[in-house]
Amino acid sequence: MPRINETLSHSLSLNEAKKRITQLIPRLKEAHGDQISEVSEYWQENTNSFSFQIMGFNISGSIRVMDSTVEITGKLPFTAGLFKGKIINAIHTEGTKLLS
């Protein structure tokens, strides 16, 4: 199963970074609502464990907000591995916008 392990840097306070990250999945759902379903999120302190289904693929992982970085880890189904590069690019593009 392909894995994603990405780190994004930020210069925000921990609370502001977390506040912005809480908007991430709702923004994805708003932008791609017709393709995203079965969304589940659970925050424990500064870590968000999430899962959702997009275009028939089950995606799960976690987002950990720290003082100067955000770590994103996830598992992709084998068939989504072909799109791993596009997914990583989207994480960096959208994450950078969100944390700027």
PDB file of N, CA and C in Angstrom:
ATOM      1  N   MET A   1       0.841  -1.171   0.000  1.00  0.00           N
ATOM      2  CA  MET A   1       0.000   0.000   0.000  1.00  0.00           C
ATOM      3  C   MET A   1       0.895   1.247   0.000  1.00  0.00           C
ATOM      4  N   PRO A   2       0.762   2.123  -0.988  1.00  0.00           N
ATOM      5  CA  PRO A   2       1.587   3.339  -1.041  1.00  0.00           C
ATOM      6  C   PRO A   2       1.314   4.248   0.162  1.00  0.00           C
ATOM      7  N   ARG A   3       2.372   4.876   0.628  1.00  0.00           N
ATOM      8  CA  ARG A   3       2.264   5.781   1.776  1.00  0.00           C
ATOM      9  C   ARG A   3       2.701   7.177   1.368  1.00  0.00           C
ATOM     10  N   ILE A   4       2.142   8.147   2.053  1.00  0.00           N
ATOM     11  CA  ILE A   4       2.538   9.549   1.881  1.00  0.00           C
ATOM     12  C   ILE A   4       3.111  10.012   3.205  1.00  0.00           C
ATOM     13  N   ASN A   5       4.275  10.619   3.168  1.00  0.00           N
ATOM     14  CA  ASN A   5       4.914  11.225   4.339  1.00  0.00           C
ATOM     15  C   ASN A   5       5.464  12.568   3.894  1.00  0.00           C
ATOM     16  N   GLU A   6       4.745  13.632   4.199  1.00  0.00           N
ATOM     17  CA  GLU A   6       5.137  14.965   3.759  1.00  0.00           C
ATOM     18  C   GLU A   6       5.191  15.908   4.944  1.00  0.00           C
ATOM     19  N   THR A   7       6.117  16.853   4.880  1.00  0.00           N
ATOM     20  CA  THR A   7       6.250  17.871   5.917  1.00  0.00           C
ATOM     21  C   THR A   7       6.178  19.241   5.265  1.00  0.00           C
ATOM     22  N   LEU A   8       5.312  20.085   5.804  1.00  0.00           N
ATOM     23  CA  LEU A   8       5.177  21.453   5.342  1.00  0.00           C
ATOM     24  C   LEU A   8       5.669  22.388   6.438  1.00  0.00           C
ATOM     25  N   SER A   9       6.450  23.383   6.081  1.00  0.00           N
ATOM     26  CA  SER A   9       6.933  24.368   7.048  1.00  0.00           C
ATOM     27  C   SER A   9       5.939  25.517   7.147  1.00  0.00           C
ATOM     28  N   HIS A  10       5.910  26.155   8.312  1.00  0.00           N
ATOM     29  CA  HIS A  10       5.083  27.349   8.486  1.00  0.00           C
ATOM     30  C   HIS A  10       5.745  28.264   9.508  1.00  0.00           C
ATOM     31  N   SER A  11       5.333  29.518   9.490  1.00  0.00           N
ATOM     32  CA  SER A  11       5.864  30.490  10.451  1.00  0.00           C
ATOM     33  C   SER A  11       4.745  31.045  11.327  1.00  0.00           C
ATOM     34  N   LEU A  12       3.676  30.302  11.452  1.00  0.00           N
ATOM     35  CA  LEU A  12       2.522  30.706  12.252  1.00  0.00           C
ATOM     36  C   LEU A  12       2.678  30.218  13.688  1.00  0.00           C
ATOM     37  N   SER A  13       1.837  30.746  14.570  1.00  0.00           N
ATOM     38  CA  SER A  13       1.790  30.176  15.910  1.00  0.00           C
ATOM     39  C   SER A  13       1.168  28.781  15.798  1.00  0.00           C
ATOM     40  N   LEU A  14       1.422  27.955  16.774  1.00  0.00           N
ATOM     41  CA  LEU A  14       0.866  26.601  16.778  1.00  0.00           C
ATOM     42  C   LEU A  14      -0.655  26.652  16.686  1.00  0.00           C
ATOM     43  N   ASN A  15      -1.275  27.540  17.479  1.00  0.00           N
ATOM     44  CA  ASN A  15      -2.735  27.638  17.466  1.00  0.00           C
ATOM     45  C   ASN A  15      -3.282  28.089  16.123  1.00  0.00           C
ATOM     46  N   GLU A  16      -2.627  29.056  15.484  1.00  0.00           N
ATOM     47  CA  GLU A  16      -3.086  29.538  14.182  1.00  0.00           C
ATOM     48  C   GLU A  16      -2.912  28.456  13.119  1.00  0.00           C
ATOM     49  N   ALA A  17      -1.800  27.752  13.145  1.00  0.00           N
ATOM     50  CA  ALA A  17      -1.582  26.668  12.187  1.00  0.00           C
ATOM     51  C   ALA A  17      -2.660  25.592  12.350  1.00  0.00           C
ATOM     52  N   LYS A  18      -2.956  25.233  13.589  1.00  0.00           N
ATOM     53  CA  LYS A  18      -3.992  24.220  13.839  1.00  0.00           C
ATOM     54  C   LYS A  18      -5.350  24.726  13.370  1.00  0.00           C
ATOM     55  N   LYS A  19      -5.648  25.973  13.652  1.00  0.00           N
ATOM     56  CA  LYS A  19      -6.925  26.561  13.219  1.00  0.00           C
ATOM     57  C   LYS A  19      -7.073  26.460  11.698  1.00  0.00           C
ATOM     58  N   ARG A  20      -6.010  26.759  10.983  1.00  0.00           N
ATOM     59  CA  ARG A  20      -6.058  26.701   9.521  1.00  0.00           C
ATOM     60  C   ARG A  20      -6.160  25.266   9.013  1.00  0.00           C
ATOM     61  N   ILE A  21      -5.455  24.356   9.658  1.00  0.00           N
ATOM     62  CA  ILE A  21      -5.506  22.949   9.245  1.00  0.00           C
ATOM     63  C   ILE A  21      -6.895  22.360   9.471  1.00  0.00           C
ATOM     64  N   THR A  22      -7.613  22.839  10.495  1.00  0.00           N
ATOM     65  CA  THR A  22      -8.973  22.331  10.715  1.00  0.00           C
ATOM     66  C   THR A  22      -9.889  22.666   9.542  1.00  0.00           C
ATOM     67  N   GLN A  23      -9.496  23.627   8.720  1.00  0.00           N
ATOM     68  CA  GLN A  23     -10.285  24.010   7.551  1.00  0.00           C
ATOM     69  C   GLN A  23      -9.979  23.136   6.331  1.00  0.00           C
ATOM     70  N   LEU A  24      -8.928  22.343   6.391  1.00  0.00           N
ATOM     71  CA  LEU A  24      -8.457  21.611   5.223  1.00  0.00           C
ATOM     72  C   LEU A  24      -9.490  20.631   4.652  1.00  0.00           C
ATOM     73  N   ILE A  25      -9.970  19.712   5.444  1.00  0.00           N
ATOM     74  CA  ILE A  25     -10.900  18.710   4.927  1.00  0.00           C
ATOM     75  C   ILE A  25     -12.244  19.341   4.564  1.00  0.00           C
ATOM     76  N   PRO A  26     -12.787  20.275   5.364  1.00  0.00           N
ATOM     77  CA  PRO A  26     -14.010  20.949   4.902  1.00  0.00           C
ATOM     78  C   PRO A  26     -13.817  21.676   3.559  1.00  0.00           C
ATOM     79  N   ARG A  27     -12.633  22.255   3.331  1.00  0.00           N
ATOM     80  CA  ARG A  27     -12.365  22.913   2.047  1.00  0.00           C
ATOM     81  C   ARG A  27     -12.299  21.891   0.911  1.00  0.00           C
ATOM     82  N   LEU A  28     -11.685  20.751   1.176  1.00  0.00           N
ATOM     83  CA  LEU A  28     -11.649  19.691   0.166  1.00  0.00           C
ATOM     84  C   LEU A  28     -13.065  19.214  -0.169  1.00  0.00           C
ATOM     85  N   LYS A  29     -13.862  19.046   0.869  1.00  0.00           N
ATOM     86  CA  LYS A  29     -15.237  18.586   0.669  1.00  0.00           C
ATOM     87  C   LYS A  29     -16.036  19.627  -0.113  1.00  0.00           C
ATOM     88  N   GLU A  30     -15.815  20.901   0.175  1.00  0.00           N
ATOM     89  CA  GLU A  30     -16.509  21.968  -0.546  1.00  0.00           C
ATOM     90  C   GLU A  30     -16.093  21.985  -2.020  1.00  0.00           C
ATOM     91  N   ALA A  31     -14.816  21.846  -2.264  1.00  0.00           N
ATOM     92  CA  ALA A  31     -14.307  21.907  -3.636  1.00  0.00           C
ATOM     93  C   ALA A  31     -14.626  20.643  -4.436  1.00  0.00           C
ATOM     94  N   HIS A  32     -14.663  19.501  -3.760  1.00  0.00           N
ATOM     95  CA  HIS A  32     -14.849  18.223  -4.457  1.00  0.00           C
ATOM     96  C   HIS A  32     -15.982  17.403  -3.837  1.00  0.00           C
ATOM     97  N   GLY A  33     -17.003  18.093  -3.351  1.00  0.00           N
ATOM     98  CA  GLY A  33     -18.089  17.439  -2.617  1.00  0.00           C
ATOM     99  C   GLY A  33     -18.766  16.313  -3.351  1.00  0.00           C
ATOM    100  N   ASP A  34     -18.810  16.413  -4.674  1.00  0.00           N
ATOM    101  CA  ASP A  34     -19.455  15.358  -5.436  1.00  0.00           C
ATOM    102  C   ASP A  34     -18.587  14.100  -5.529  1.00  0.00           C
ATOM    103  N   GLN A  35     -17.312  14.208  -5.145  1.00  0.00           N
ATOM    104  CA  GLN A  35     -16.392  13.075  -5.237  1.00  0.00           C
ATOM    105  C   GLN A  35     -15.957  12.557  -3.865  1.00  0.00           C
ATOM    106  N   ILE A  36     -16.192  13.337  -2.804  1.00  0.00           N
ATOM    107  CA  ILE A  36     -15.761  12.952  -1.456  1.00  0.00           C
ATOM    108  C   ILE A  36     -16.962  12.511  -0.634  1.00  0.00           C
ATOM    109  N   SER A  37     -16.800  11.390   0.059  1.00  0.00           N
ATOM    110  CA  SER A  37     -17.857  10.897   0.940  1.00  0.00           C
ATOM    111  C   SER A  37     -17.225  10.201   2.141  1.00  0.00           C
ATOM    112  N   GLU A  38     -18.079   9.805   3.058  1.00  0.00           N
ATOM    113  CA  GLU A  38     -17.664   9.058   4.248  1.00  0.00           C
ATOM    114  C   GLU A  38     -16.490   9.720   4.977  1.00  0.00           C
ATOM    115  N   VAL A  39     -16.616  11.022   5.202  1.00  0.00           N
ATOM    116  CA  VAL A  39     -15.558  11.785   5.870  1.00  0.00           C
ATOM    117  C   VAL A  39     -15.618  11.540   7.370  1.00  0.00           C
ATOM    118  N   SER A  40     -14.461  11.247   7.944  1.00  0.00           N
ATOM    119  CA  SER A  40     -14.340  11.059   9.386  1.00  0.00           C
ATOM    120  C   SER A  40     -13.072  11.765   9.850  1.00  0.00           C
ATOM    121  N   GLU A  41     -13.206  12.554  10.924  1.00  0.00           N
ATOM    122  CA  GLU A  41     -12.055  13.242  11.500  1.00  0.00           C
ATOM    123  C   GLU A  41     -12.107  13.104  13.008  1.00  0.00           C
ATOM    124  N   TYR A  42     -10.941  12.989  13.608  1.00  0.00           N
ATOM    125  CA  TYR A  42     -10.852  12.932  15.058  1.00  0.00           C
ATOM    126  C   TYR A  42      -9.595  13.664  15.494  1.00  0.00           C
ATOM    127  N   TRP A  43      -9.768  14.756  16.237  1.00  0.00           N
ATOM    128  CA  TRP A  43      -8.629  15.515  16.754  1.00  0.00           C
ATOM    129  C   TRP A  43      -8.298  15.039  18.165  1.00  0.00           C
ATOM    130  N   GLN A  44      -7.027  14.797  18.401  1.00  0.00           N
ATOM    131  CA  GLN A  44      -6.525  14.541  19.743  1.00  0.00           C
ATOM    132  C   GLN A  44      -5.326  15.463  19.914  1.00  0.00           C
ATOM    133  N   GLU A  45      -5.508  16.484  20.717  1.00  0.00           N
ATOM    134  CA  GLU A  45      -4.527  17.552  20.897  1.00  0.00           C
ATOM    135  C   GLU A  45      -4.191  18.166  19.542  1.00  0.00           C
ATOM    136  N   ASN A  46      -2.996  17.989  19.028  1.00  0.00           N
ATOM    137  CA  ASN A  46      -2.595  18.629  17.778  1.00  0.00           C
ATOM    138  C   ASN A  46      -2.489  17.654  16.606  1.00  0.00           C
ATOM    139  N   THR A  47      -3.137  16.501  16.743  1.00  0.00           N
ATOM    140  CA  THR A  47      -3.105  15.494  15.682  1.00  0.00           C
ATOM    141  C   THR A  47      -4.518  15.175  15.219  1.00  0.00           C
ATOM    142  N   ASN A  48      -4.709  15.256  13.915  1.00  0.00           N
ATOM    143  CA  ASN A  48      -5.985  14.946  13.296  1.00  0.00           C
ATOM    144  C   ASN A  48      -5.857  13.599  12.584  1.00  0.00           C
ATOM    145  N   SER A  49      -6.633  12.633  13.023  1.00  0.00           N
ATOM    146  CA  SER A  49      -6.718  11.352  12.322  1.00  0.00           C
ATOM    147  C   SER A  49      -7.938  11.437  11.423  1.00  0.00           C
ATOM    148  N   PHE A  50      -7.769  11.112  10.159  1.00  0.00           N
ATOM    149  CA  PHE A  50      -8.860  11.298   9.211  1.00  0.00           C
ATOM    150  C   PHE A  50      -8.998  10.104   8.276  1.00  0.00           C
ATOM    151  N   SER A  51     -10.162  10.013   7.684  1.00  0.00           N
ATOM    152  CA  SER A  51     -10.395   9.066   6.601  1.00  0.00           C
ATOM    153  C   SER A  51     -11.536   9.611   5.751  1.00  0.00           C
ATOM    154  N   PHE A  52     -11.498   9.291   4.490  1.00  0.00           N
ATOM    155  CA  PHE A  52     -12.581   9.649   3.586  1.00  0.00           C
ATOM    156  C   PHE A  52     -12.460   8.805   2.328  1.00  0.00           C
ATOM    157  N   GLN A  53     -13.487   8.871   1.542  1.00  0.00           N
ATOM    158  CA  GLN A  53     -13.486   8.171   0.272  1.00  0.00           C
ATOM    159  C   GLN A  53     -13.568   9.221  -0.836  1.00  0.00           C
ATOM    160  N   ILE A  54     -12.682   9.113  -1.812  1.00  0.00           N
ATOM    161  CA  ILE A  54     -12.700  10.029  -2.942  1.00  0.00           C
ATOM    162  C   ILE A  54     -12.590   9.215  -4.230  1.00  0.00           C
ATOM    163  N   MET A  55     -13.521   9.442  -5.107  1.00  0.00           N
ATOM    164  CA  MET A  55     -13.580   8.732  -6.392  1.00  0.00           C
ATOM    165  C   MET A  55     -13.459   7.217  -6.199  1.00  0.00           C
ATOM    166  N   GLY A  56     -14.088   6.708  -5.136  1.00  0.00           N
ATOM    167  CA  GLY A  56     -14.077   5.277  -4.876  1.00  0.00           C
ATOM    168  C   GLY A  56     -12.872   4.764  -4.125  1.00  0.00           C
ATOM    169  N   PHE A  57     -11.880   5.628  -3.859  1.00  0.00           N
ATOM    170  CA  PHE A  57     -10.681   5.224  -3.125  1.00  0.00           C
ATOM    171  C   PHE A  57     -10.818   5.582  -1.649  1.00  0.00           C
ATOM    172  N   ASN A  58     -10.443   4.659  -0.760  1.00  0.00           N
ATOM    173  CA  ASN A  58     -10.418   4.941   0.668  1.00  0.00           C
ATOM    174  C   ASN A  58      -9.057   5.527   1.029  1.00  0.00           C
ATOM    175  N   ILE A  59      -9.082   6.694   1.633  1.00  0.00           N
ATOM    176  CA  ILE A  59      -7.869   7.398   2.043  1.00  0.00           C
ATOM    177  C   ILE A  59      -7.913   7.563   3.559  1.00  0.00           C
ATOM    178  N   SER A  60      -6.797   7.319   4.223  1.00  0.00           N
ATOM    179  CA  SER A  60      -6.730   7.538   5.670  1.00  0.00           C
ATOM    180  C   SER A  60      -5.341   8.034   6.024  1.00  0.00           C
ATOM    181  N   GLY A  61      -5.266   8.711   7.150  1.00  0.00           N
ATOM    182  CA  GLY A  61      -3.968   9.205   7.583  1.00  0.00           C
ATOM    183  C   GLY A  61      -4.084  10.116   8.775  1.00  0.00           C
ATOM    184  N   SER A  62      -3.039  10.917   8.960  1.00  0.00           N
ATOM    185  CA  SER A  62      -3.041  11.861  10.074  1.00  0.00           C
ATOM    186  C   SER A  62      -2.303  13.127   9.674  1.00  0.00           C
ATOM    187  N   ILE A  63      -2.672  14.198  10.352  1.00  0.00           N
ATOM    188  CA  ILE A  63      -2.010  15.491  10.187  1.00  0.00           C
ATOM    189  C   ILE A  63      -1.599  15.936  11.584  1.00  0.00           C
ATOM    190  N   ARG A  64      -0.321  16.131  11.770  1.00  0.00           N
ATOM    191  CA  ARG A  64       0.215  16.534  13.081  1.00  0.00           C
ATOM    192  C   ARG A  64       0.753  17.952  12.972  1.00  0.00           C
ATOM    193  N   VAL A  65       0.174  18.854  13.745  1.00  0.00           N
ATOM    194  CA  VAL A  65       0.576  20.258  13.727  1.00  0.00           C
ATOM    195  C   VAL A  65       1.594  20.484  14.835  1.00  0.00           C
ATOM    196  N   MET A  66       2.755  21.023  14.448  1.00  0.00           N
ATOM    197  CA  MET A  66       3.817  21.313  15.411  1.00  0.00           C
ATOM    198  C   MET A  66       4.199  22.787  15.304  1.00  0.00           C
ATOM    199  N   ASP A  67       5.159  23.214  16.126  1.00  0.00           N
ATOM    200  CA  ASP A  67       5.513  24.630  16.209  1.00  0.00           C
ATOM    201  C   ASP A  67       5.882  25.266  14.872  1.00  0.00           C
ATOM    202  N   SER A  68       6.620  24.582  14.026  1.00  0.00           N
ATOM    203  CA  SER A  68       7.039  25.191  12.761  1.00  0.00           C
ATOM    204  C   SER A  68       6.802  24.295  11.550  1.00  0.00           C
ATOM    205  N   THR A  69       6.178  23.152  11.763  1.00  0.00           N
ATOM    206  CA  THR A  69       5.892  22.238  10.656  1.00  0.00           C
ATOM    207  C   THR A  69       4.529  21.575  10.835  1.00  0.00           C
ATOM    208  N   VAL A  70       4.052  21.021   9.743  1.00  0.00           N
ATOM    209  CA  VAL A  70       2.858  20.179   9.745  1.00  0.00           C
ATOM    210  C   VAL A  70       3.259  18.895   9.035  1.00  0.00           C
ATOM    211  N   GLU A  71       3.094  17.768   9.728  1.00  0.00           N
ATOM    212  CA  GLU A  71       3.437  16.471   9.148  1.00  0.00           C
ATOM    213  C   GLU A  71       2.166  15.777   8.679  1.00  0.00           C
ATOM    214  N   ILE A  72       2.176  15.352   7.438  1.00  0.00           N
ATOM    215  CA  ILE A  72       1.024  14.678   6.852  1.00  0.00           C
ATOM    216  C   ILE A  72       1.456  13.265   6.461  1.00  0.00           C
ATOM    217  N   THR A  73       0.780  12.289   7.013  1.00  0.00           N
ATOM    218  CA  THR A  73       1.039  10.898   6.655  1.00  0.00           C
ATOM    219  C   THR A  73      -0.273  10.278   6.206  1.00  0.00           C
ATOM    220  N   GLY A  74      -0.173   9.354   5.302  1.00  0.00           N
ATOM    221  CA  GLY A  74      -1.392   8.720   4.827  1.00  0.00           C
ATOM    222  C   GLY A  74      -1.120   7.432   4.090  1.00  0.00           C
ATOM    223  N   LYS A  75      -2.176   6.654   3.965  1.00  0.00           N
ATOM    224  CA  LYS A  75      -2.122   5.404   3.221  1.00  0.00           C
ATOM    225  C   LYS A  75      -3.058   5.519   2.037  1.00  0.00           C
ATOM    226  N   LEU A  76      -2.558   5.135   0.897  1.00  0.00           N
ATOM    227  CA  LEU A  76      -3.350   5.132  -0.326  1.00  0.00           C
ATOM    228  C   LEU A  76      -3.576   3.689  -0.760  1.00  0.00           C
ATOM    229  N   PRO A  77      -4.733   3.398  -1.328  1.00  0.00           N
ATOM    230  CA  PRO A  77      -4.907   2.070  -1.887  1.00  0.00           C
ATOM    231  C   PRO A  77      -3.929   1.882  -3.044  1.00  0.00           C
ATOM    232  N   PHE A  78      -3.562   0.658  -3.291  1.00  0.00           N
ATOM    233  CA  PHE A  78      -2.577   0.368  -4.335  1.00  0.00           C
ATOM    234  C   PHE A  78      -2.948   1.009  -5.668  1.00  0.00           C
ATOM    235  N   THR A  79      -4.227   0.956  -6.031  1.00  0.00           N
ATOM    236  CA  THR A  79      -4.664   1.499  -7.323  1.00  0.00           C
ATOM    237  C   THR A  79      -4.525   3.014  -7.392  1.00  0.00           C
ATOM    238  N   ALA A  80      -4.498   3.699  -6.249  1.00  0.00           N
ATOM    239  CA  ALA A  80      -4.324   5.155  -6.238  1.00  0.00           C
ATOM    240  C   ALA A  80      -2.841   5.526  -6.290  1.00  0.00           C
ATOM    241  N   GLY A  81      -1.976   4.552  -6.178  1.00  0.00           N
ATOM    242  CA  GLY A  81      -0.537   4.807  -6.220  1.00  0.00           C
ATOM    243  C   GLY A  81      -0.102   5.484  -7.512  1.00  0.00           C
ATOM    244  N   LEU A  82      -0.826   5.254  -8.575  1.00  0.00           N
ATOM    245  CA  LEU A  82      -0.519   5.902  -9.847  1.00  0.00           C
ATOM    246  C   LEU A  82      -0.669   7.415  -9.759  1.00  0.00           C
ATOM    247  N   PHE A  83      -1.477   7.877  -8.816  1.00  0.00           N
ATOM    248  CA  PHE A  83      -1.736   9.304  -8.650  1.00  0.00           C
ATOM    249  C   PHE A  83      -0.941   9.920  -7.503  1.00  0.00           C
ATOM    250  N   LYS A  84      -0.019   9.163  -6.920  1.00  0.00           N
ATOM    251  CA  LYS A  84       0.710   9.627  -5.747  1.00  0.00           C
ATOM    252  C   LYS A  84       1.420  10.958  -6.004  1.00  0.00           C
ATOM    253  N   GLY A  85       2.061  11.123  -7.136  1.00  0.00           N
ATOM    254  CA  GLY A  85       2.753  12.371  -7.451  1.00  0.00           C
ATOM    255  C   GLY A  85       1.809  13.556  -7.489  1.00  0.00           C
ATOM    256  N   LYS A  86       0.647  13.365  -8.097  1.00  0.00           N
ATOM    257  CA  LYS A  86      -0.351  14.437  -8.157  1.00  0.00           C
ATOM    258  C   LYS A  86      -0.889  14.757  -6.768  1.00  0.00           C
ATOM    259  N   ILE A  87      -1.072  13.732  -5.955  1.00  0.00           N
ATOM    260  CA  ILE A  87      -1.578  13.932  -4.598  1.00  0.00           C
ATOM    261  C   ILE A  87      -0.559  14.718  -3.778  1.00  0.00           C
ATOM    262  N   ILE A  88       0.717  14.353  -3.870  1.00  0.00           N
ATOM    263  CA  ILE A  88       1.766  15.066  -3.139  1.00  0.00           C
ATOM    264  C   ILE A  88       1.855  16.514  -3.611  1.00  0.00           C
ATOM    265  N   ASN A  89       1.771  16.721  -4.905  1.00  0.00           N
ATOM    266  CA  ASN A  89       1.792  18.084  -5.437  1.00  0.00           C
ATOM    267  C   ASN A  89       0.617  18.899  -4.893  1.00  0.00           C
ATOM    268  N   ALA A  90      -0.567  18.308  -4.846  1.00  0.00           N
ATOM    269  CA  ALA A  90      -1.743  18.996  -4.312  1.00  0.00           C
ATOM    270  C   ALA A  90      -1.579  19.310  -2.828  1.00  0.00           C
ATOM    271  N   ILE A  91      -0.994  18.397  -2.077  1.00  0.00           N
ATOM    272  CA  ILE A  91      -0.745  18.634  -0.653  1.00  0.00           C
ATOM    273  C   ILE A  91       0.156  19.848  -0.482  1.00  0.00           C
ATOM    274  N   HIS A  92       1.230  19.905  -1.242  1.00  0.00           N
ATOM    275  CA  HIS A  92       2.162  21.031  -1.117  1.00  0.00           C
ATOM    276  C   HIS A  92       1.530  22.338  -1.580  1.00  0.00           C
ATOM    277  N   THR A  93       0.809  22.307  -2.692  1.00  0.00           N
ATOM    278  CA  THR A  93       0.187  23.526  -3.212  1.00  0.00           C
ATOM    279  C   THR A  93      -0.866  24.062  -2.248  1.00  0.00           C
ATOM    280  N   GLU A  94      -1.814  23.214  -1.869  1.00  0.00           N
ATOM    281  CA  GLU A  94      -2.891  23.652  -0.993  1.00  0.00           C
ATOM    282  C   GLU A  94      -2.403  23.909   0.436  1.00  0.00           C
ATOM    283  N   GLY A  95      -1.491  23.085   0.898  1.00  0.00           N
ATOM    284  CA  GLY A  95      -0.945  23.281   2.250  1.00  0.00           C
ATOM    285  C   GLY A  95      -0.184  24.586   2.370  1.00  0.00           C
ATOM    286  N   THR A  96       0.595  24.920   1.352  1.00  0.00           N
ATOM    287  CA  THR A  96       1.343  26.173   1.368  1.00  0.00           C
ATOM    288  C   THR A  96       0.388  27.368   1.370  1.00  0.00           C
ATOM    289  N   LYS A  97      -0.648  27.308   0.556  1.00  0.00           N
ATOM    290  CA  LYS A  97      -1.658  28.385   0.549  1.00  0.00           C
ATOM    291  C   LYS A  97      -2.306  28.533   1.928  1.00  0.00           C
ATOM    292  N   LEU A  98      -2.685  27.405   2.483  1.00  0.00           N
ATOM    293  CA  LEU A  98      -3.385  27.414   3.761  1.00  0.00           C
ATOM    294  C   LEU A  98      -2.518  27.941   4.897  1.00  0.00           C
ATOM    295  N   LEU A  99      -1.232  27.634   4.857  1.00  0.00           N
ATOM    296  CA  LEU A  99      -0.337  28.022   5.954  1.00  0.00           C
ATOM    297  C   LEU A  99       0.424  29.325   5.712  1.00  0.00           C
ATOM    298  N   SER A 100       0.099  30.022   4.620  1.00  0.00           N
ATOM    299  CA  SER A 100       0.779  31.296   4.316  1.00  0.00           C
ATOM    300  C   SER A 100       0.121  32.456   5.034  1.00  0.00           C
TER     301      SER A 100
END
